[in-house]
Amino acid sequence: MNSRPAQIEQSDSLVEIYSINGVDYYIFENNSQLQTVWIKDNYECYISGPITLSEIKHIIDSIEKG
């Protein structure tokens, strides 16, 4: 299976790479919204919305807690 992520258009620079349990979450800003993308178990995942960096990290933390 191809594990390369799809291309996601990005207008600004990378905000942060947030790593938890060996998974890198790439957080960036695009069109005034924060977005994050990551790959886990051959799944490409993506979150986008009018949220803060703190909120997106809280969402990521909740994903990793299961």
Protein backbone atom coordinates (compact mmCIF):
# COMPACT_ATOMS: atom_id res chain seq x y z
CA MET A 1 0.00 0.00 0.00
CA ASN A 2 1.23 3.51 -0.81
CA SER A 3 1.95 5.34 2.46
CA ARG A 4 2.70 8.74 0.93
CA PRO A 5 0.21 11.43 1.92
CA ALA A 6 -1.94 13.25 -0.62
CA GLN A 7 -0.89 16.78 -1.39
CA ILE A 8 -2.64 19.43 0.68
CA GLU A 9 -2.47 23.01 -0.47
CA GLN A 10 -0.77 25.21 2.09
CA SER A 11 -0.64 28.99 1.84
CA ASP A 12 1.57 29.74 4.85
CA SER A 13 4.46 28.07 6.62
CA LEU A 14 4.31 25.14 9.01
CA VAL A 15 3.22 26.21 12.49
CA GLU A 16 4.42 23.15 14.39
CA ILE A 17 5.03 19.41 14.31
CA TYR A 18 3.26 17.98 17.36
CA SER A 19 4.47 14.44 18.12
CA ILE A 20 2.68 11.94 20.36
CA ASN A 21 3.27 8.19 20.65
CA GLY A 22 5.45 8.15 17.53
CA VAL A 23 2.88 9.97 15.37
CA ASP A 24 3.80 13.35 13.87
CA TYR A 25 0.90 15.78 13.54
CA TYR A 26 1.75 18.55 11.07
CA ILE A 27 -0.06 21.73 12.09
CA PHE A 28 -0.19 24.61 9.64
CA GLU A 29 -2.29 27.63 8.78
CA ASN A 30 -4.18 27.89 5.52
CA ASN A 31 -6.74 30.54 4.61
CA SER A 32 -6.84 31.82 8.21
CA GLN A 33 -7.69 28.38 9.63
CA LEU A 34 -5.49 25.91 11.43
CA GLN A 35 -5.19 22.50 9.87
CA THR A 36 -3.41 19.34 10.88
CA VAL A 37 -2.57 16.24 8.91
CA TRP A 38 -1.06 12.93 9.99
CA ILE A 39 -0.68 9.31 8.91
CA LYS A 40 -1.42 6.41 11.24
CA ASP A 41 -1.86 2.74 10.35
CA ASN A 42 -1.98 3.52 6.60
CA TYR A 43 -4.74 6.10 7.11
CA GLU A 44 -4.25 9.73 6.16
CA CYS A 45 -6.16 11.96 8.57
CA TYR A 46 -6.96 15.65 8.41
CA ILE A 47 -8.64 18.23 10.64
CA SER A 48 -9.40 21.81 9.65
CA GLY A 49 -11.43 24.58 11.17
CA PRO A 50 -11.58 27.98 12.81
CA ILE A 51 -9.86 26.77 15.99
CA THR A 52 -6.86 27.83 18.05
CA LEU A 53 -3.54 26.01 18.37
CA SER A 54 -4.48 25.09 21.94
CA GLU A 55 -7.79 23.62 20.77
CA ILE A 56 -6.20 21.59 17.98
CA LYS A 57 -3.65 20.15 20.43
CA HIS A 58 -6.50 19.23 22.79
CA ILE A 59 -8.23 17.41 19.91
CA ILE A 60 -4.99 15.56 19.05
CA ASP A 61 -4.48 14.61 22.70
CA SER A 62 -8.03 13.23 22.87
CA ILE A 63 -7.43 11.15 19.71
CA GLU A 64 -4.32 9.60 21.21
CA LYS A 65 -6.07 8.80 24.50
CA GLY A 66 -8.64 6.76 22.55
